[in-house]
Amino acid sequence: MAHVAELTDTPKALRLHIGFLGKRNSGKSSLINTLATQEVSLVSDTPGTTTDPVHKTMEIHPLGPCILIDTAGFDDEGDLGEKRVEKTNDILDQLDSAIMVFNPEDRSLEHEKIWYEKLKERRVPVLGVVNKIDTEEDIEAFVRQIEQTLSIKVITVSAKENLHIDTLREAIVAITPKDAAHTSLTAHLVQEGDRVLLVAPQDIQAPKGRLILPQVQIIRDLLDNKTIVTVITTDKLKETLEGFKEPPKLIITDSQVFHEVYGQTPKESMLTSFSVLMARHKGDIDAFVEGANTLNNLDTTKKILILEACTHNPLDGDIGREKIPNMLRKKYGSTLQIEIKNGKNFPDDLTPYALVIHCGGCMFNRKLMLSRIRTCKVQGVAITNYGIFISKITGILEHITL
């Protein structure tokens, strides 16, 4: 059943990310365990029990698939504590909403004010939760103190006694942006009954017996939209098109064979790529097109930064490590400086770069991709996406459907 799970399970990148933040021993882990109705995070009276962020996937009606993220206390101390706090800071750009948990036994709010400003800067809605109300008196005064200091809604709960947990669920639903939930990758292009042709070259980057994640996500989305889907490899394109009574409404291809597929695309069919669809779904398609247009007058005195969301062992023909750099150097010269980073290695200072070229981001959620785009804009650095870049540099950008 492994193959079925890969096609039907909601990937983490398409789930809402809800972070639980607070000081050590405020009861973040207990709250998550209570919400999930199982022991997800280790609970202890000893401060600092949670170290690296802990992720729990679950469904919250009516939000749908979510990830609850337990974090280390942001008041952690010492060298190891600083590293734990850095890990907590790293997840902020991923959050669709944040639950800030307060311990009534510690009513100083200096740390909370700092972290609230970080969340506000990232436009993350925040809900305040006073936990452990079974242990302290005069909770209402503490609630008023928090609301006046941080200007956020605050509810009171007890994870230990299971008090007001339903109210917490309702409040989480209320603060989560409605447009943060999963939306269709393809509904802007297709309707029920449309025929869609997917050209999915299975190179050595694709694990044996499996499709790569963007292909799986888009196939599932097309099935949800009740389209008629045909999946082929590039070498079967000509005979497949000849076998159709009518041209397909839409052809979706891998960006690596964009130009080859474009040359065979019927004039009646729309053409796009897996990467372009991911770019629209996860990021800002207009910003990516604007970024690609800088190739017309690229500042070759600066470096190019290629960013990959996932970490993998590069093989021959890797699109980010080989094909895109080769395209760039063929057009702008062999001395063009190109840097490649992956995973969460996103530089604080982007000014040495003329252009950032990002992968489709299938392993990132939309919030994180938009955060990276916003950082580039603030620093005045152009950013584009693999698929948009390849269509621009091969001269077909104006002929594809965005």
Protein backbone atom coordinates (compact mmCIF):
# COMPACT_ATOMS: atom_id res chain seq x y z
CA MET A 1 0.00 0.00 0.00
CA ALA A 2 3.03 2.34 0.02
CA HIS A 3 2.32 3.63 -3.48
CA VAL A 4 -1.30 4.37 -2.59
CA ALA A 5 -0.20 6.32 0.48
CA GLU A 6 2.14 8.44 -1.57
CA LEU A 7 -0.70 9.41 -3.90
CA THR A 8 -3.44 10.03 -1.34
CA ASP A 9 -1.76 11.33 1.83
CA THR A 10 -1.64 15.13 2.14
CA PRO A 11 2.04 16.15 1.93
CA LYS A 12 3.37 18.24 4.81
CA ALA A 13 4.00 21.15 2.46
CA LEU A 14 0.25 21.35 1.72
CA ARG A 15 -0.79 21.32 5.38
CA LEU A 16 -1.44 24.38 7.52
CA HIS A 17 1.46 25.01 9.91
CA ILE A 18 0.43 26.01 13.44
CA GLY A 19 3.25 26.77 15.86
CA PHE A 20 3.11 26.60 19.67
CA LEU A 21 5.52 29.11 21.23
CA GLY A 22 6.25 30.12 24.80
CA LYS A 23 8.68 29.96 27.66
CA ARG A 24 10.01 26.72 29.03
CA ASN A 25 7.49 24.80 31.13
CA SER A 26 4.52 26.87 29.94
CA GLY A 27 2.75 23.68 28.86
CA LYS A 28 3.13 23.81 25.07
CA SER A 29 3.77 20.08 24.78
CA SER A 30 0.87 19.22 27.06
CA LEU A 31 -1.48 21.35 24.96
CA ILE A 32 -0.43 19.64 21.73
CA ASN A 33 -0.79 16.21 23.31
CA THR A 34 -4.29 17.12 24.48
CA LEU A 35 -5.31 18.49 21.08
CA ALA A 36 -3.92 15.44 19.30
CA THR A 37 -5.38 13.08 21.93
CA GLN A 38 -2.06 11.23 22.05
CA GLU A 39 1.44 11.74 23.41
CA VAL A 40 3.21 13.56 20.60
CA SER A 41 5.73 15.50 22.68
CA LEU A 42 7.58 14.41 25.80
CA VAL A 43 6.14 16.15 28.87
CA SER A 44 8.12 16.83 32.03
CA ASP A 45 8.19 19.33 34.91
CA THR A 46 11.83 19.92 34.02
CA PRO A 47 12.19 23.13 31.94
CA GLY A 48 13.73 22.65 28.50
CA THR A 49 12.43 19.13 27.83
CA THR A 50 11.51 20.02 24.23
CA THR A 51 14.64 20.64 22.14
CA ASP A 52 14.21 20.50 18.35
CA PRO A 53 10.74 21.38 16.99
CA VAL A 54 8.36 18.40 17.05
CA HIS A 55 5.81 18.09 14.21
CA LYS A 56 2.43 16.38 14.56
CA THR A 57 0.18 15.96 11.52
CA MET A 58 -3.56 15.92 12.20
CA GLU A 59 -6.93 17.15 10.92
CA ILE A 60 -8.67 20.13 12.49
CA HIS A 61 -12.21 20.63 11.25
CA PRO A 62 -12.96 22.72 9.20
CA LEU A 63 -9.35 23.72 8.45
CA GLY A 64 -8.42 20.27 7.17
CA PRO A 65 -4.89 18.83 7.23
CA CYS A 66 -2.61 20.65 9.70
CA ILE A 67 0.77 20.34 11.34
CA LEU A 68 1.10 21.28 15.02
CA ILE A 69 4.67 22.33 15.80
CA ASP A 70 5.99 22.09 19.35
CA THR A 71 9.02 24.29 20.01
CA ALA A 72 11.72 24.80 22.59
CA GLY A 73 11.14 27.55 25.15
CA PHE A 74 12.25 30.89 23.78
CA ASP A 75 13.77 31.74 27.16
CA ASP A 76 16.21 28.81 27.01
CA GLU A 77 19.71 29.53 28.32
CA GLY A 78 23.33 28.55 27.75
CA ASP A 79 25.11 27.57 24.54
CA LEU A 80 22.81 24.63 23.90
CA GLY A 81 19.80 26.75 24.80
CA GLU A 82 20.78 29.36 22.21
CA LYS A 83 20.87 26.67 19.54
CA ARG A 84 17.42 25.47 20.60
CA VAL A 85 16.09 29.03 20.37
CA GLU A 86 17.61 29.33 16.87
CA LYS A 87 15.65 26.22 15.87
CA THR A 88 12.48 27.85 17.16
CA ASN A 89 13.29 31.04 15.25
CA ASP A 90 13.80 29.03 12.05
CA ILE A 91 10.20 27.81 11.98
CA LEU A 92 8.61 31.27 12.19
CA ASP A 93 8.66 31.81 8.42
CA GLN A 94 6.67 28.58 7.96
CA LEU A 95 3.81 29.44 10.29
CA ASP A 96 0.28 30.13 9.09
CA SER A 97 -0.75 30.89 12.66
CA ALA A 98 0.88 30.88 16.10
CA ILE A 99 -0.32 29.91 19.57
CA MET A 100 1.63 31.78 22.24
CA VAL A 101 1.36 29.87 25.51
CA PHE A 102 1.65 31.70 28.84
CA ASN A 103 2.39 30.24 32.26
CA PRO A 104 0.46 32.08 35.03
CA GLU A 105 3.30 31.19 37.42
CA ASP A 106 5.59 33.56 35.45
CA ARG A 107 3.84 36.81 34.53
CA SER A 108 6.75 38.78 33.10
CA LEU A 109 6.20 39.38 29.38
CA GLU A 110 9.57 40.64 28.15
CA HIS A 111 10.34 37.54 26.06
CA GLU A 112 6.80 37.36 24.76
CA LYS A 113 6.92 40.97 23.51
CA ILE A 114 10.07 40.23 21.49
CA TRP A 115 8.64 37.11 19.89
CA TYR A 116 5.27 38.72 19.24
CA GLU A 117 7.06 41.43 17.22
CA LYS A 118 8.85 38.73 15.21
CA LEU A 119 5.52 37.11 14.37
CA LYS A 120 3.89 40.45 13.59
CA GLU A 121 6.74 41.30 11.22
CA ARG A 122 6.00 38.02 9.37
CA ARG A 123 2.25 38.72 9.35
CA VAL A 124 1.52 35.60 11.39
CA PRO A 125 -1.76 35.84 13.36
CA VAL A 126 -1.25 35.10 17.05
CA LEU A 127 -3.58 33.61 19.65
CA GLY A 128 -2.70 33.89 23.33
CA VAL A 129 -3.35 30.90 25.58
CA VAL A 130 -2.96 30.94 29.36
CA ASN A 131 -2.37 27.32 30.38
CA LYS A 132 -2.32 25.71 33.82
CA ILE A 133 -5.33 27.72 35.05
CA ASP A 134 -5.95 24.91 37.52
CA THR A 135 -2.81 25.92 39.43
CA GLU A 136 -3.18 29.69 39.91
CA GLU A 137 -5.69 32.29 41.07
CA ASP A 138 -6.58 35.71 39.62
CA ILE A 139 -6.19 34.49 36.04
CA GLU A 140 -8.42 37.29 34.71
CA ALA A 141 -5.89 39.93 35.78
CA PHE A 142 -3.14 38.08 33.92
CA VAL A 143 -5.32 37.83 30.82
CA ARG A 144 -5.93 41.60 30.89
CA GLN A 145 -2.19 42.18 31.30
CA ILE A 146 -1.40 40.10 28.19
CA GLU A 147 -4.17 41.68 26.11
CA GLN A 148 -3.04 45.19 27.01
CA THR A 149 0.66 44.46 26.42
CA LEU A 150 0.42 42.49 23.16
CA SER A 151 -3.02 43.43 21.77
CA ILE A 152 -3.98 39.80 21.09
CA LYS A 153 -6.99 37.67 21.92
CA VAL A 154 -6.35 35.43 24.95
CA ILE A 155 -8.19 32.30 26.10
CA THR A 156 -7.63 30.24 29.22
CA VAL A 157 -7.21 26.46 29.33
CA SER A 158 -5.90 23.60 31.38
CA ALA A 159 -4.29 20.83 29.38
CA LYS A 160 -3.96 18.75 32.52
CA GLU A 161 -7.67 18.95 33.37
CA ASN A 162 -8.82 19.12 29.71
CA LEU A 163 -10.56 22.44 30.34
CA HIS A 164 -11.66 24.68 27.44
CA ILE A 165 -9.86 22.58 24.79
CA ASP A 166 -12.85 22.81 22.45
CA THR A 167 -12.71 26.58 22.83
CA LEU A 168 -9.03 26.43 21.88
CA ARG A 169 -9.82 24.49 18.70
CA GLU A 170 -12.47 27.03 17.74
CA ALA A 171 -10.06 29.91 18.38
CA ILE A 172 -7.35 28.29 16.24
CA VAL A 173 -9.86 27.99 13.38
CA ALA A 174 -10.91 31.62 13.85
CA ILE A 175 -7.40 33.12 13.62
CA THR A 176 -6.10 30.98 10.75
CA PRO A 177 -6.27 32.91 7.44
CA LYS A 178 -8.90 31.38 5.17
CA ASP A 179 -6.63 31.65 2.12
CA ALA A 180 -3.92 29.69 3.93
CA ALA A 181 -5.78 26.41 3.46
CA HIS A 182 -4.99 24.09 0.56
CA THR A 183 -6.24 25.37 -2.78
CA SER A 184 -6.22 23.67 -6.14
CA LEU A 185 -3.07 23.62 -8.27
CA THR A 186 -4.95 23.37 -11.56
CA ALA A 187 -8.55 24.61 -11.14
CA HIS A 188 -7.71 27.91 -12.85
CA LEU A 189 -6.89 25.95 -16.04
CA VAL A 190 -9.27 22.97 -16.19
CA GLN A 191 -12.87 21.93 -15.70
CA GLU A 192 -14.52 18.56 -15.11
CA GLY A 193 -14.14 16.28 -18.14
CA ASP A 194 -11.17 18.12 -19.70
CA ARG A 195 -8.41 15.92 -21.07
CA VAL A 196 -4.99 16.67 -19.62
CA LEU A 197 -1.71 15.19 -20.84
CA LEU A 198 1.22 14.96 -18.44
CA VAL A 199 4.71 14.56 -19.88
CA ALA A 200 6.80 13.16 -17.03
CA PRO A 201 10.31 12.12 -18.07
CA GLN A 202 11.55 9.57 -15.54
CA ASP A 203 15.24 10.39 -15.25
CA ILE A 204 17.66 9.10 -12.65
CA GLN A 205 16.52 11.75 -10.16
CA ALA A 206 13.16 9.99 -9.82
CA PRO A 207 13.35 7.08 -7.34
CA LYS A 208 12.74 3.70 -8.92
CA GLY A 209 9.06 2.83 -8.98
CA ARG A 210 7.88 6.28 -7.90
CA LEU A 211 6.95 9.65 -9.33
CA ILE A 212 8.54 12.79 -7.96
CA LEU A 213 6.45 14.79 -5.48
CA PRO A 214 5.23 17.64 -7.79
CA GLN A 215 3.98 15.04 -10.29
CA VAL A 216 2.11 13.16 -7.56
CA GLN A 217 0.56 16.35 -6.18
CA ILE A 218 -0.60 17.55 -9.59
CA ILE A 219 -2.01 14.16 -10.62
CA ARG A 220 -4.00 14.03 -7.40
CA ASP A 221 -5.23 17.59 -7.93
CA LEU A 222 -6.33 16.83 -11.49
CA LEU A 223 -8.21 13.74 -10.26
CA ASP A 224 -9.90 15.87 -7.59
CA ASN A 225 -11.00 18.21 -10.40
CA LYS A 226 -12.41 15.17 -12.28
CA THR A 227 -10.32 15.62 -15.39
CA ILE A 228 -9.23 12.81 -17.73
CA VAL A 229 -5.51 12.36 -17.10
CA THR A 230 -2.94 10.65 -19.31
CA VAL A 231 0.65 10.34 -18.14
CA ILE A 232 3.49 9.58 -20.57
CA THR A 233 7.25 9.91 -20.93
CA THR A 234 8.70 12.37 -23.43
CA ASP A 235 9.49 9.75 -26.07
CA LYS A 236 5.78 8.81 -26.29
CA LEU A 237 4.51 12.35 -26.90
CA LYS A 238 4.21 12.21 -30.69
CA GLU A 239 2.32 8.93 -30.87
CA THR A 240 0.08 9.86 -27.94
CA LEU A 241 -1.00 13.12 -29.57
CA GLU A 242 -1.63 11.27 -32.84
CA GLY A 243 -3.84 8.80 -30.98
CA PHE A 244 -6.12 11.50 -29.53
CA LYS A 245 -9.28 12.35 -31.48
CA GLU A 246 -8.96 15.92 -30.26
CA PRO A 247 -5.95 17.77 -28.79
CA PRO A 248 -5.82 17.81 -24.97
CA LYS A 249 -7.08 20.94 -23.22
CA LEU A 250 -3.80 21.18 -21.28
CA ILE A 251 -0.30 19.72 -21.48
CA ILE A 252 1.84 19.76 -18.33
CA THR A 253 5.49 18.90 -18.76
CA ASP A 254 8.72 18.79 -16.83
CA SER A 255 10.60 22.08 -17.24
CA GLN A 256 13.70 20.21 -18.39
CA VAL A 257 11.95 19.24 -21.66
CA PHE A 258 9.92 22.44 -22.03
CA HIS A 259 11.34 23.37 -25.43
CA GLU A 260 11.02 19.85 -26.85
CA VAL A 261 7.38 19.56 -25.77
CA TYR A 262 6.58 23.09 -26.95
CA GLY A 263 7.69 22.14 -30.45
CA GLN A 264 5.04 19.38 -30.55
CA THR A 265 2.20 21.12 -28.69
CA PRO A 266 -0.98 21.56 -30.78
CA LYS A 267 -2.08 25.18 -31.16
CA GLU A 268 -5.39 24.30 -29.47
CA SER A 269 -3.65 23.12 -26.28
CA MET A 270 -2.39 25.15 -23.36
CA LEU A 271 1.15 24.35 -22.20
CA THR A 272 2.63 24.68 -18.73
CA SER A 273 4.99 22.79 -16.44
CA PHE A 274 4.95 21.14 -13.03
CA SER A 275 7.35 23.80 -11.78
CA VAL A 276 5.27 26.69 -13.12
CA LEU A 277 2.15 25.32 -11.42
CA MET A 278 4.08 24.97 -8.17
CA ALA A 279 5.35 28.54 -8.60
CA ARG A 280 1.80 29.89 -8.84
CA HIS A 281 0.51 27.71 -6.03
CA LYS A 282 3.34 28.27 -3.58
CA GLY A 283 4.62 31.71 -4.45
CA ASP A 284 4.09 34.90 -6.43
CA ILE A 285 3.94 34.13 -10.15
CA ASP A 286 4.19 37.80 -11.13
CA ALA A 287 7.34 38.26 -9.06
CA PHE A 288 8.87 35.17 -10.69
CA VAL A 289 8.11 36.45 -14.21
CA GLU A 290 9.52 39.86 -13.31
CA GLY A 291 12.62 38.15 -11.96
CA ALA A 292 13.07 36.08 -15.12
CA ASN A 293 12.89 39.25 -17.21
CA THR A 294 16.11 40.46 -15.57
CA LEU A 295 17.83 37.92 -17.82
CA ASN A 296 17.39 40.49 -20.60
CA ASN A 297 19.95 42.73 -18.89
CA LEU A 298 21.63 40.50 -16.33
CA ASP A 299 24.30 42.11 -14.16
CA THR A 300 27.07 39.57 -14.70
CA THR A 301 29.35 41.30 -12.19
CA LYS A 302 27.17 39.79 -9.46
CA LYS A 303 26.58 36.16 -8.58
CA ILE A 304 23.58 33.95 -9.30
CA LEU A 305 22.05 32.00 -6.40
CA ILE A 306 20.28 28.69 -7.09
CA LEU A 307 18.10 27.46 -4.23
CA GLU A 308 16.78 23.92 -3.77
CA ALA A 309 14.12 23.30 -1.13
CA CYS A 310 15.10 19.67 -0.54
CA THR A 311 18.44 18.06 0.20
CA HIS A 312 19.51 15.22 -2.05
CA ASN A 313 22.61 13.62 -3.47
CA PRO A 314 23.11 15.26 -6.88
CA LEU A 315 23.39 12.87 -9.80
CA ASP A 316 24.40 13.35 -13.43
CA GLY A 317 22.03 15.73 -15.17
CA ASP A 318 20.71 17.32 -11.98
CA ILE A 319 18.56 20.29 -13.01
CA GLY A 320 19.72 22.66 -10.28
CA ARG A 321 23.35 21.54 -10.04
CA GLU A 322 24.09 21.05 -13.74
CA LYS A 323 21.43 21.98 -16.28
CA ILE A 324 20.56 25.48 -15.07
CA PRO A 325 24.22 26.46 -14.46
CA ASN A 326 25.09 25.17 -17.95
CA MET A 327 22.29 27.25 -19.49
CA LEU A 328 23.48 30.35 -17.66
CA ARG A 329 27.14 29.94 -18.59
CA LYS A 330 26.30 29.18 -22.20
CA LYS A 331 24.45 32.50 -22.45
CA TYR A 332 26.55 34.73 -20.19
CA GLY A 333 30.00 33.15 -20.26
CA SER A 334 31.92 30.54 -18.33
CA THR A 335 33.16 33.04 -15.73
CA LEU A 336 29.65 33.74 -14.37
CA GLN A 337 29.67 33.08 -10.63
CA ILE A 338 26.97 30.65 -9.47
CA GLU A 339 26.27 29.48 -5.93
CA ILE A 340 23.97 26.59 -5.03
CA LYS A 341 22.33 26.18 -1.63
CA ASN A 342 19.69 23.74 -0.43
CA GLY A 343 17.30 23.09 2.40
CA LYS A 344 17.04 25.95 4.86
CA ASN A 345 20.34 27.55 3.80
CA PHE A 346 18.88 30.93 2.87
CA PRO A 347 21.40 33.78 3.13
CA ASP A 348 20.59 36.76 5.35
CA ASP A 349 22.35 39.08 2.89
CA LEU A 350 21.22 38.66 -0.72
CA THR A 351 22.77 41.84 -2.12
CA PRO A 352 25.79 40.05 -3.69
CA TYR A 353 23.37 38.31 -6.10
CA ALA A 354 21.86 39.60 -9.33
CA LEU A 355 19.21 36.87 -9.37
CA VAL A 356 17.85 34.08 -7.16
CA ILE A 357 16.55 31.01 -9.01
CA HIS A 358 14.36 28.87 -6.73
CA CYS A 359 13.10 25.33 -7.29
CA GLY A 360 9.36 24.61 -7.32
CA GLY A 361 9.37 24.37 -3.54
CA CYS A 362 7.28 21.20 -3.30
CA MET A 363 8.87 20.52 0.12
CA PHE A 364 8.01 24.03 1.42
CA ASN A 365 4.65 25.41 2.42
CA ARG A 366 3.32 28.57 0.78
CA LYS A 367 4.07 30.72 3.83
CA LEU A 368 7.79 29.91 3.68
CA MET A 369 8.03 30.53 -0.07
CA LEU A 370 6.27 33.90 0.25
CA SER A 371 8.64 34.80 3.07
CA ARG A 372 11.64 34.17 0.82
CA ILE A 373 10.11 36.19 -2.00
CA ARG A 374 9.37 39.06 0.39
CA THR A 375 12.97 39.01 1.67
CA CYS A 376 14.27 39.26 -1.90
CA LYS A 377 11.95 42.20 -2.62
CA VAL A 378 13.01 44.05 0.53
CA GLN A 379 16.67 43.67 -0.46
CA GLY A 380 16.02 44.61 -4.08
CA VAL A 381 17.09 41.24 -5.50
CA ALA A 382 15.17 39.56 -8.34
CA ILE A 383 13.84 36.05 -7.78
CA THR A 384 12.41 33.52 -10.21
CA ASN A 385 11.54 29.83 -10.35
CA TYR A 386 13.11 26.90 -12.23
CA GLY A 387 10.23 26.54 -14.68
CA ILE A 388 9.85 30.27 -15.35
CA PHE A 389 13.62 30.61 -15.76
CA ILE A 390 13.89 27.74 -18.25
CA SER A 391 10.95 28.99 -20.32
CA LYS A 392 12.49 32.48 -20.40
CA ILE A 393 16.02 31.44 -21.31
CA THR A 394 14.74 29.10 -24.05
CA GLY A 395 12.53 31.85 -25.50
CA ILE A 396 9.08 30.35 -24.91
CA LEU A 397 7.88 32.20 -21.79
CA GLU A 398 5.29 34.18 -23.76
CA HIS A 399 3.89 30.94 -25.20
CA ILE A 400 3.19 29.07 -21.96
CA THR A 401 0.18 29.31 -19.69
CA LEU A 402 0.86 30.76 -16.27
